[in-house]
């Protein structure tokens, strides 16, 4: 890392910045005059971004499943810039498969990428954010972090875990002036549905449920209604708000589906309220 010691604007540390949301968020932050440390497993794909913003953009190699490398990257950012103002945990990929089809190794690898990596990065920046009395942690989740459906159980499990951790985190760090924003996008034109996604080996019996998702999800690549640049703008707007939301759905599909699921969950809870409340010891 070789940049000016005095950063311009806020200092962003963004994972998975080579494409999709990560790239769009990096561009949006740079457009408002901030400094961005953009990480990727292949940082050379960010050469154009760095060249377009000399002194304010730097590309750094990082695999978020490498905890030792995470510690080194955060140390470098603090050494060169003195602080981390915004951490964006964005690195990720898609995975399809029924729960029965998903192997332990596939589930653990996905959990390392979507949960343990962000948790390690969060812990690494928190001492610095607490010391400076400010900071933001942006967790890129999904509408699949609020509810799940056939074929994405493993993916959703990792996002559910991230959201549970982040809800507790938000309350723990609020007294230090640190915000937490959980972003829940729907279908956007990122690389999630591309060849970078993985699939479990199919077994007979799930053609009517998971089989549909196996076909439709990859074929949606490049046709999704969501614009990552507009998502990035919405995230910056939320961060600038006096009351930053804890959870921010993005896209008509995510907003509609989450609202419908909340209504259904409330209706089900009310329908079973008498049974739920009748489980205490008799007076």
Protein backbone atom coordinates (compact mmCIF):
# COMPACT_ATOMS: atom_id res chain seq x y z
CA UNK A 1 0.00 0.00 0.00
CA UNK A 2 1.57 3.26 -1.11
CA UNK A 3 -0.68 6.31 -0.81
CA UNK A 4 -0.66 9.67 0.90
CA UNK A 5 -0.67 9.53 4.68
CA UNK A 6 -3.35 12.23 4.99
CA UNK A 7 -6.53 10.75 3.49
CA UNK A 8 -9.19 12.68 1.66
CA UNK A 9 -12.62 12.43 3.24
CA UNK A 10 -13.70 9.21 4.90
CA UNK A 11 -11.58 6.08 4.63
CA UNK A 12 -13.47 3.08 3.24
CA UNK A 13 -12.32 -0.53 3.42
CA UNK A 14 -14.38 -2.57 0.94
CA UNK A 15 -14.13 -6.31 0.34
CA UNK A 16 -15.09 -7.98 -2.93
CA UNK A 17 -14.60 -4.68 -4.76
CA UNK A 18 -13.73 -6.15 -8.16
CA UNK A 19 -17.33 -6.10 -9.42
CA UNK A 20 -20.99 -5.82 -8.49
CA UNK A 21 -21.95 -4.01 -5.31
CA UNK A 22 -18.36 -3.72 -4.11
CA UNK A 23 -17.23 -1.94 -7.24
CA UNK A 24 -20.29 0.33 -7.29
CA UNK A 25 -19.88 1.29 -3.64
CA UNK A 26 -16.20 2.04 -4.21
CA UNK A 27 -17.03 4.28 -7.17
CA UNK A 28 -19.76 6.10 -5.23
CA UNK A 29 -17.43 6.76 -2.30
CA UNK A 30 -14.71 8.05 -4.60
CA UNK A 31 -17.20 10.27 -6.43
CA UNK A 32 -17.96 12.14 -3.19
CA UNK A 33 -14.26 12.70 -2.51
CA UNK A 34 -13.54 9.89 -0.07
CA UNK A 35 -10.58 7.51 0.10
CA UNK A 36 -11.11 3.84 -0.76
CA UNK A 37 -9.06 0.77 0.03
CA UNK A 38 -10.63 -1.73 -2.37
CA UNK A 39 -9.82 -5.37 -1.78
CA UNK A 40 -10.16 -8.34 -4.08
CA UNK A 41 -8.56 -11.72 -4.56
CA UNK A 42 -7.21 -10.39 -7.88
CA UNK A 43 -6.56 -6.68 -7.25
CA UNK A 44 -5.23 -6.12 -10.78
CA UNK A 45 -8.83 -5.98 -12.01
CA UNK A 46 -9.10 -2.70 -10.10
CA UNK A 47 -6.20 -1.02 -11.94
CA UNK A 48 -8.56 1.27 -13.86
CA UNK A 49 -10.25 2.43 -10.64
CA UNK A 50 -6.90 3.20 -9.03
CA UNK A 51 -5.64 5.02 -12.14
CA UNK A 52 -8.79 7.17 -12.29
CA UNK A 53 -8.41 8.30 -8.67
CA UNK A 54 -4.70 8.71 -7.92
CA UNK A 55 -3.97 9.11 -4.22
CA UNK A 56 -7.52 8.24 -3.17
CA UNK A 57 -7.96 4.68 -4.41
CA UNK A 58 -5.73 1.72 -3.69
CA UNK A 59 -6.26 -1.95 -4.56
CA UNK A 60 -5.14 -4.56 -2.06
CA UNK A 61 -5.16 -8.37 -2.34
CA UNK A 62 -7.41 -10.05 0.21
CA UNK A 63 -9.17 -13.37 0.57
CA UNK A 64 -11.57 -12.80 3.44
CA UNK A 65 -11.28 -16.42 4.54
CA UNK A 66 -7.60 -15.75 5.43
CA UNK A 67 -7.74 -14.34 8.96
CA UNK A 68 -4.00 -13.62 9.11
CA UNK A 69 -4.22 -11.57 5.92
CA UNK A 70 -7.23 -9.69 7.32
CA UNK A 71 -5.17 -8.57 10.32
CA UNK A 72 -2.34 -7.45 8.04
CA UNK A 73 -4.63 -5.45 5.73
CA UNK A 74 -6.32 -3.61 8.59
CA UNK A 75 -2.91 -2.84 10.11
CA UNK A 76 -1.74 -1.44 6.76
CA UNK A 77 -4.81 0.77 6.40
CA UNK A 78 -4.31 2.18 9.89
CA UNK A 79 -0.58 2.68 9.22
CA UNK A 80 -1.14 4.63 6.01
CA UNK A 81 -4.44 6.39 6.66
CA UNK A 82 -4.71 6.46 10.45
CA UNK A 83 -8.28 5.20 10.56
CA UNK A 84 -11.08 3.16 9.02
CA UNK A 85 -14.32 5.12 8.80
CA UNK A 86 -16.44 2.65 6.83
CA UNK A 87 -16.00 -1.11 6.57
CA UNK A 88 -18.06 -2.79 3.86
CA UNK A 89 -18.23 -6.57 4.17
CA UNK A 90 -19.29 -7.39 0.63
CA UNK A 91 -17.25 -10.35 -0.65
CA UNK A 92 -19.43 -13.33 -1.49
CA UNK A 93 -20.87 -15.70 -4.05
CA UNK A 94 -24.05 -17.59 -4.77
CA UNK A 95 -24.70 -21.25 -4.09
CA UNK A 96 -27.61 -23.47 -5.12
CA UNK A 97 -28.67 -26.82 -3.74
CA UNK A 98 -31.24 -28.50 -1.54
CA UNK A 99 -30.28 -28.86 2.11
CA UNK A 100 -29.93 -32.62 1.63
CA UNK A 101 -27.70 -32.06 -1.39
CA UNK A 102 -25.37 -29.60 0.34
CA UNK A 103 -22.20 -31.15 1.75
CA UNK A 104 -20.51 -30.18 5.00
CA UNK A 105 -17.57 -28.81 3.05
CA UNK A 106 -19.78 -26.64 0.83
CA UNK A 107 -21.63 -25.26 3.84
CA UNK A 108 -18.45 -24.58 5.80
CA UNK A 109 -16.78 -22.84 2.85
CA UNK A 110 -19.81 -20.61 2.37
CA UNK A 111 -19.93 -19.86 6.10
CA UNK A 112 -16.24 -18.94 6.05
CA UNK A 113 -16.85 -16.50 3.21
CA UNK A 114 -20.12 -14.90 4.31
CA UNK A 115 -19.92 -15.12 8.09
CA UNK A 116 -16.53 -15.85 9.63
CA UNK A 117 -14.68 -13.54 7.23
CA UNK A 118 -16.93 -10.54 7.95
CA UNK A 119 -16.87 -11.34 11.68
CA UNK A 120 -13.06 -11.37 11.66
CA UNK A 121 -12.87 -8.09 9.73
CA UNK A 122 -15.41 -6.49 12.04
CA UNK A 123 -13.43 -7.48 15.11
CA UNK A 124 -10.24 -6.21 13.48
CA UNK A 125 -11.55 -2.68 12.84
CA UNK A 126 -13.59 -2.22 16.00
CA UNK A 127 -10.70 -1.27 18.35
CA UNK A 128 -9.77 1.53 15.95
CA UNK A 129 -13.35 2.71 15.50
CA UNK A 130 -13.92 2.69 19.26
CA UNK A 131 -10.76 4.70 19.78
CA UNK A 132 -11.78 7.32 17.22
CA UNK A 133 -15.37 7.38 18.54
CA UNK A 134 -16.98 6.87 15.16
CA UNK A 135 -17.33 4.46 12.28
CA UNK A 136 -19.76 2.47 10.17
CA UNK A 137 -19.93 -1.25 9.49
CA UNK A 138 -21.92 -2.15 6.37
CA UNK A 139 -22.91 -5.79 6.15
CA UNK A 140 -23.98 -6.84 2.67
CA UNK A 141 -26.67 -9.41 3.34
CA UNK A 142 -29.61 -10.25 1.07
CA UNK A 143 -33.36 -10.48 1.10
CA UNK A 144 -32.37 -14.12 1.69
CA UNK A 145 -31.09 -12.96 5.06
CA UNK A 146 -34.69 -12.33 6.16
CA UNK A 147 -36.36 -15.41 4.68
CA UNK A 148 -35.40 -18.42 2.61
CA UNK A 149 -36.78 -20.62 -0.15
CA UNK A 150 -35.91 -23.89 -1.91
CA UNK A 151 -32.39 -24.18 -3.24
CA UNK A 152 -30.78 -21.38 -1.25
CA UNK A 153 -30.85 -22.81 2.26
CA UNK A 154 -27.07 -22.81 2.66
CA UNK A 155 -26.71 -19.28 1.26
CA UNK A 156 -29.51 -17.96 3.43
CA UNK A 157 -28.10 -19.69 6.51
CA UNK A 158 -24.89 -17.68 6.17
CA UNK A 159 -26.81 -14.43 5.76
CA UNK A 160 -29.15 -15.23 8.68
CA UNK A 161 -26.04 -15.78 10.81
CA UNK A 162 -24.51 -12.49 9.67
CA UNK A 163 -27.72 -10.60 10.42
CA UNK A 164 -28.03 -12.13 13.89
CA UNK A 165 -24.47 -11.15 14.72
CA UNK A 166 -25.00 -7.67 13.32
CA UNK A 167 -28.20 -6.99 15.25
CA UNK A 168 -26.39 -7.64 18.51
CA UNK A 169 -23.34 -5.73 17.28
CA UNK A 170 -25.38 -2.62 16.51
CA UNK A 171 -26.52 -2.36 20.12
CA UNK A 172 -23.06 -3.10 21.52
CA UNK A 173 -21.23 -0.42 19.52
CA UNK A 174 -23.85 2.36 19.46
CA UNK A 175 -22.45 3.91 22.69
CA UNK A 176 -19.11 4.34 20.89
CA UNK A 177 -20.68 6.32 18.04
CA UNK A 178 -20.45 3.38 15.61
CA UNK A 179 -23.28 2.55 13.21
CA UNK A 180 -24.22 -0.82 11.70
CA UNK A 181 -26.13 -1.06 8.43
CA UNK A 182 -27.40 -4.42 7.12
CA UNK A 183 -28.15 -4.19 3.39
CA UNK A 184 -30.69 -6.65 1.96
CA UNK A 185 -30.71 -6.49 -1.84
CA UNK A 186 -33.07 -8.35 -4.09
CA UNK A 187 -32.18 -9.19 -7.69
CA UNK A 188 -29.44 -6.87 -8.98
CA UNK A 189 -27.10 -7.07 -11.97
CA UNK A 190 -24.07 -8.29 -10.05
CA UNK A 191 -22.09 -11.48 -10.53
CA UNK A 192 -24.14 -13.46 -8.01
CA UNK A 193 -25.99 -15.43 -10.67
CA UNK A 194 -22.98 -15.84 -12.95
CA UNK A 195 -20.45 -18.62 -13.32
CA UNK A 196 -18.86 -17.57 -10.01
CA UNK A 197 -21.78 -19.19 -8.20
CA UNK A 198 -21.58 -22.85 -7.23
CA UNK A 199 -24.09 -25.70 -7.13
CA UNK A 200 -24.32 -28.85 -5.07
CA UNK A 201 -24.56 -32.14 -6.94
CA UNK A 202 -28.21 -32.90 -7.62
CA UNK A 203 -29.96 -35.95 -6.21
CA UNK A 204 -33.28 -37.31 -7.51
CA UNK A 205 -36.50 -36.02 -5.99
CA UNK A 206 -35.99 -32.26 -5.87
CA UNK A 207 -36.64 -31.46 -9.53
CA UNK A 208 -39.98 -29.79 -8.74
CA UNK A 209 -38.56 -27.39 -6.18
CA UNK A 210 -34.81 -26.91 -6.35
CA UNK A 211 -34.67 -27.89 -10.02
CA UNK A 212 -36.61 -24.79 -10.96
CA UNK A 213 -34.16 -22.56 -9.10
CA UNK A 214 -31.18 -24.32 -10.68
CA UNK A 215 -32.54 -23.34 -14.09
CA UNK A 216 -33.98 -19.90 -13.47
CA UNK A 217 -31.28 -18.40 -11.24
CA UNK A 218 -28.33 -18.70 -13.69
CA UNK A 219 -30.52 -17.65 -16.63
CA UNK A 220 -31.35 -14.38 -14.83
CA UNK A 221 -27.76 -13.14 -15.08
CA UNK A 222 -27.64 -9.79 -16.85
CA UNK A 223 -31.42 -9.43 -16.78
CA UNK A 224 -31.96 -8.52 -13.12
CA UNK A 225 -33.98 -5.35 -12.55
CA UNK A 226 -31.72 -3.85 -9.89
CA UNK A 227 -29.01 -1.28 -10.72
CA UNK A 228 -25.91 -1.65 -8.48
CA UNK A 229 -25.03 2.03 -8.92
CA UNK A 230 -28.42 3.05 -7.54
CA UNK A 231 -27.96 0.56 -4.70
CA UNK A 232 -24.64 2.21 -3.84
CA UNK A 233 -26.29 5.64 -3.86
CA UNK A 234 -29.03 4.36 -1.54
CA UNK A 235 -26.40 3.00 0.86
CA UNK A 236 -24.59 6.35 0.98
CA UNK A 237 -27.92 8.10 1.60
CA UNK A 238 -28.67 5.74 4.50
CA UNK A 239 -25.23 6.33 6.02
CA UNK A 240 -25.71 10.10 5.87
CA UNK A 241 -29.13 9.95 7.57
CA UNK A 242 -29.43 11.10 11.16
CA UNK A 243 -31.17 7.79 11.90
CA UNK A 244 -29.44 5.17 9.77
CA UNK A 245 -31.66 2.08 9.47
CA UNK A 246 -30.40 -1.19 10.87
CA UNK A 247 -31.84 -3.15 7.91
CA UNK A 248 -32.21 -1.69 4.43
CA UNK A 249 -34.02 -3.76 1.76
CA UNK A 250 -33.11 -2.72 -1.79
CA UNK A 251 -35.27 -3.30 -4.86
CA UNK A 252 -38.99 -3.75 -5.41
CA UNK A 253 -38.69 -7.53 -5.13
CA UNK A 254 -36.86 -7.42 -1.78
CA UNK A 255 -39.16 -4.76 -0.34
CA UNK A 256 -42.35 -6.55 -1.42
CA UNK A 257 -41.17 -9.97 -0.30
CA UNK A 258 -39.92 -8.79 3.10
CA UNK A 259 -43.12 -6.89 3.81
CA UNK A 260 -45.20 -9.92 2.81
CA UNK A 261 -43.11 -12.20 5.01
CA UNK A 262 -43.45 -9.84 7.98
CA UNK A 263 -47.24 -9.79 7.53
CA UNK A 264 -47.36 -13.59 7.27
CA UNK A 265 -45.14 -14.03 10.32
CA UNK A 266 -47.31 -11.70 12.39
CA UNK A 267 -50.49 -13.49 11.28
CA UNK A 268 -49.03 -16.89 12.15
CA UNK A 269 -47.83 -15.69 15.55
CA UNK A 270 -51.25 -14.26 16.35
CA UNK A 271 -52.98 -17.45 15.19
CA UNK A 272 -50.90 -19.50 17.63
CA UNK A 273 -50.71 -16.89 20.37
CA UNK A 274 -52.93 -18.79 22.80
CA UNK A 275 -50.80 -21.94 22.51
CA UNK A 276 -47.58 -19.94 22.70
CA UNK A 277 -48.67 -18.15 25.88
CA UNK A 278 -50.05 -21.29 27.53
CA UNK A 279 -46.69 -22.88 28.28
CA UNK A 280 -45.93 -21.45 31.72
CA UNK A 281 -46.31 -23.14 35.09
CA UNK A 282 -49.84 -22.97 36.52
CA UNK A 283 -50.24 -20.31 39.18
